[in-house]
Amino acid sequence: MTKSSPGESELIANDDLVLANIPASDADWGQIIPFAHTFDGYKIMGSFEACAAIANERRHETLTELRTCLFFEARRWRHFGEDPDPLAMEYIRGLLTQIRNRVATERRR
């Protein structure tokens, strides 16, 4: 793990991700945000635009895409300055479930 920047979450590579790192699908937003920031979607995807495209298209084919979507949702709602609404939380919790399933079954790509 590497520190992303002072005061932020430690970055966790897909290969190092374990179930204990991933909040439960019923976790509250305050528990989800630190996990979302264990992945830097901007850096991994190469740009804000590439990250946004994956997130806005809701691409979920790989663990990297799932984590990109979760990262971007955390950034999106921070930008809005509020907690996600119920529909957004349903989507975010679904991302957590899919991430957990991929890690549990070792489908990390």
C-alpha atoms as a PDB file:
ATOM      1  CA  MET A   1       0.000   0.000   0.000  1.00  0.00           C
ATOM      2  CA  THR A   2       1.093   3.516  -0.694  1.00  0.00           C
ATOM      3  CA  LYS A   3      -0.082   6.783   0.742  1.00  0.00           C
ATOM      4  CA  SER A   4      -2.056   8.747  -1.847  1.00  0.00           C
ATOM      5  CA  SER A   5      -1.432  12.091  -0.138  1.00  0.00           C
ATOM      6  CA  PRO A   6      -1.354  13.391   3.421  1.00  0.00           C
ATOM      7  CA  GLY A   7      -4.579  12.726   5.296  1.00  0.00           C
ATOM      8  CA  GLU A   8      -5.992  10.426   2.625  1.00  0.00           C
ATOM      9  CA  SER A   9      -6.542   6.691   2.490  1.00  0.00           C
ATOM     10  CA  GLU A  10      -3.786   4.251   1.645  1.00  0.00           C
ATOM     11  CA  LEU A  11      -3.948   3.116  -1.971  1.00  0.00           C
ATOM     12  CA  ILE A  12      -4.582  -0.614  -2.403  1.00  0.00           C
ATOM     13  CA  ALA A  13      -3.777  -2.379  -5.665  1.00  0.00           C
ATOM     14  CA  ASN A  14      -6.344  -4.858  -6.968  1.00  0.00           C
ATOM     15  CA  ASP A  15      -3.923  -7.730  -6.323  1.00  0.00           C
ATOM     16  CA  ASP A  16      -3.585  -6.669  -2.667  1.00  0.00           C
ATOM     17  CA  LEU A  17      -7.297  -6.165  -2.035  1.00  0.00           C
ATOM     18  CA  VAL A  18      -8.848  -8.546   0.508  1.00  0.00           C
ATOM     19  CA  LEU A  19     -12.434  -8.850   1.685  1.00  0.00           C
ATOM     20  CA  ALA A  20     -11.564  -7.255   5.023  1.00  0.00           C
ATOM     21  CA  ASN A  21     -10.715  -4.020   3.148  1.00  0.00           C
ATOM     22  CA  ILE A  22     -14.136  -3.763   1.521  1.00  0.00           C
ATOM     23  CA  PRO A  23     -17.065  -2.306   3.465  1.00  0.00           C
ATOM     24  CA  ALA A  24     -20.221  -4.387   3.686  1.00  0.00           C
ATOM     25  CA  SER A  25     -22.931  -3.531   1.185  1.00  0.00           C
ATOM     26  CA  ASP A  26     -24.992  -2.004   4.026  1.00  0.00           C
ATOM     27  CA  ALA A  27     -22.140   0.274   5.192  1.00  0.00           C
ATOM     28  CA  ASP A  28     -22.870   3.945   5.648  1.00  0.00           C
ATOM     29  CA  TRP A  29     -21.367   6.611   3.423  1.00  0.00           C
ATOM     30  CA  GLY A  30     -18.763   7.537   6.021  1.00  0.00           C
ATOM     31  CA  GLN A  31     -17.391   3.984   5.863  1.00  0.00           C
ATOM     32  CA  ILE A  32     -17.502   3.804   2.064  1.00  0.00           C
ATOM     33  CA  ILE A  33     -15.594   7.018   1.278  1.00  0.00           C
ATOM     34  CA  PRO A  34     -12.228   5.899   2.743  1.00  0.00           C
ATOM     35  CA  PHE A  35     -12.433   2.624   0.824  1.00  0.00           C
ATOM     36  CA  ALA A  36     -13.341   4.414  -2.418  1.00  0.00           C
ATOM     37  CA  HIS A  37     -10.188   6.485  -2.001  1.00  0.00           C
ATOM     38  CA  THR A  38      -7.952   3.408  -1.763  1.00  0.00           C
ATOM     39  CA  PHE A  39      -8.063   3.550  -5.567  1.00  0.00           C
ATOM     40  CA  ASP A  40      -7.043   6.546  -7.703  1.00  0.00           C
ATOM     41  CA  GLY A  41      -9.257   6.298 -10.760  1.00  0.00           C
ATOM     42  CA  TYR A  42      -7.771   9.407 -12.345  1.00  0.00           C
ATOM     43  CA  LYS A  43      -4.264   7.979 -12.224  1.00  0.00           C
ATOM     44  CA  ILE A  44      -5.186   4.390 -13.123  1.00  0.00           C
ATOM     45  CA  MET A  45      -7.362   5.465 -16.073  1.00  0.00           C
ATOM     46  CA  GLY A  46      -4.879   8.115 -17.161  1.00  0.00           C
ATOM     47  CA  SER A  47      -7.087  11.184 -16.851  1.00  0.00           C
ATOM     48  CA  PHE A  48     -10.200  12.674 -15.323  1.00  0.00           C
ATOM     49  CA  GLU A  49     -11.974  12.298 -18.685  1.00  0.00           C
ATOM     50  CA  ALA A  50     -11.196   8.590 -19.038  1.00  0.00           C
ATOM     51  CA  CYS A  51     -12.249   7.945 -15.437  1.00  0.00           C
ATOM     52  CA  ALA A  52     -15.477   9.918 -15.920  1.00  0.00           C
ATOM     53  CA  ALA A  53     -16.294   8.030 -19.132  1.00  0.00           C
ATOM     54  CA  ILE A  54     -16.076   4.657 -17.382  1.00  0.00           C
ATOM     55  CA  ALA A  55     -18.093   5.873 -14.401  1.00  0.00           C
ATOM     56  CA  ASN A  56     -20.768   7.642 -16.428  1.00  0.00           C
ATOM     57  CA  GLU A  57     -21.158   4.627 -18.723  1.00  0.00           C
ATOM     58  CA  ARG A  58     -21.330   2.449 -15.589  1.00  0.00           C
ATOM     59  CA  ARG A  59     -18.892  -0.057 -17.024  1.00  0.00           C
ATOM     60  CA  HIS A  60     -18.575  -3.026 -14.664  1.00  0.00           C
ATOM     61  CA  GLU A  61     -16.689  -5.645 -16.670  1.00  0.00           C
ATOM     62  CA  THR A  62     -13.571  -5.692 -14.493  1.00  0.00           C
ATOM     63  CA  LEU A  63     -12.579  -5.052 -10.905  1.00  0.00           C
ATOM     64  CA  THR A  64     -10.698  -1.979 -12.132  1.00  0.00           C
ATOM     65  CA  GLU A  65     -13.852  -0.609 -13.769  1.00  0.00           C
ATOM     66  CA  LEU A  66     -15.913  -1.303 -10.647  1.00  0.00           C
ATOM     67  CA  ARG A  67     -13.385   0.479  -8.447  1.00  0.00           C
ATOM     68  CA  THR A  68     -13.201   3.339 -10.950  1.00  0.00           C
ATOM     69  CA  CYS A  69     -16.974   3.754 -10.710  1.00  0.00           C
ATOM     70  CA  LEU A  70     -16.886   3.730  -6.907  1.00  0.00           C
ATOM     71  CA  PHE A  71     -13.983   6.197  -6.819  1.00  0.00           C
ATOM     72  CA  PHE A  72     -15.771   8.531  -9.198  1.00  0.00           C
ATOM     73  CA  GLU A  73     -19.024   8.375  -7.209  1.00  0.00           C
ATOM     74  CA  ALA A  74     -17.083   9.397  -4.090  1.00  0.00           C
ATOM     75  CA  ARG A  75     -15.548  12.309  -5.984  1.00  0.00           C
ATOM     76  CA  ARG A  76     -18.890  13.232  -7.607  1.00  0.00           C
ATOM     77  CA  TRP A  77     -20.746  13.454  -4.302  1.00  0.00           C
ATOM     78  CA  ARG A  78     -17.887  15.349  -2.659  1.00  0.00           C
ATOM     79  CA  HIS A  79     -18.161  17.851  -5.501  1.00  0.00           C
ATOM     80  CA  PHE A  80     -21.924  18.110  -4.887  1.00  0.00           C
ATOM     81  CA  GLY A  81     -21.160  18.808  -1.213  1.00  0.00           C
ATOM     82  CA  GLU A  82     -23.722  16.349   0.097  1.00  0.00           C
ATOM     83  CA  ASP A  83     -24.263  12.696   0.829  1.00  0.00           C
ATOM     84  CA  PRO A  84     -25.610  10.504  -1.972  1.00  0.00           C
ATOM     85  CA  ASP A  85     -29.364  10.284  -2.330  1.00  0.00           C
ATOM     86  CA  PRO A  86     -31.093   6.910  -1.806  1.00  0.00           C
ATOM     87  CA  LEU A  87     -30.954   5.937  -5.489  1.00  0.00           C
ATOM     88  CA  ALA A  88     -27.231   6.723  -5.657  1.00  0.00           C
ATOM     89  CA  MET A  89     -26.609   4.759  -2.436  1.00  0.00           C
ATOM     90  CA  GLU A  90     -28.375   1.766  -3.949  1.00  0.00           C
ATOM     91  CA  TYR A  91     -26.004   1.943  -6.932  1.00  0.00           C
ATOM     92  CA  ILE A  92     -22.932   2.472  -4.703  1.00  0.00           C
ATOM     93  CA  ARG A  93     -23.858  -0.462  -2.475  1.00  0.00           C
ATOM     94  CA  GLY A  94     -24.299  -2.577  -5.601  1.00  0.00           C
ATOM     95  CA  LEU A  95     -20.754  -1.643  -6.615  1.00  0.00           C
ATOM     96  CA  LEU A  96     -19.492  -2.802  -3.220  1.00  0.00           C
ATOM     97  CA  THR A  97     -21.308  -6.120  -3.633  1.00  0.00           C
ATOM     98  CA  GLN A  98     -19.788  -6.649  -7.083  1.00  0.00           C
ATOM     99  CA  ILE A  99     -16.313  -5.706  -5.831  1.00  0.00           C
ATOM    100  CA  ARG A 100     -16.653  -8.144  -2.911  1.00  0.00           C
ATOM    101  CA  ASN A 101     -17.820 -10.901  -5.273  1.00  0.00           C
ATOM    102  CA  ARG A 102     -14.873 -10.399  -7.622  1.00  0.00           C
ATOM    103  CA  VAL A 103     -12.354 -10.417  -4.784  1.00  0.00           C
ATOM    104  CA  ALA A 104     -13.976 -13.484  -3.214  1.00  0.00           C
ATOM    105  CA  THR A 105     -13.770 -15.380  -6.481  1.00  0.00           C
ATOM    106  CA  GLU A 106     -10.307 -14.005  -7.414  1.00  0.00           C
ATOM    107  CA  ARG A 107     -11.586 -12.298 -10.607  1.00  0.00           C
ATOM    108  CA  ARG A 108      -9.314  -9.293 -10.215  1.00  0.00           C
ATOM    109  CA  ARG A 109      -8.939  -8.112 -13.775  1.00  0.00           C
END
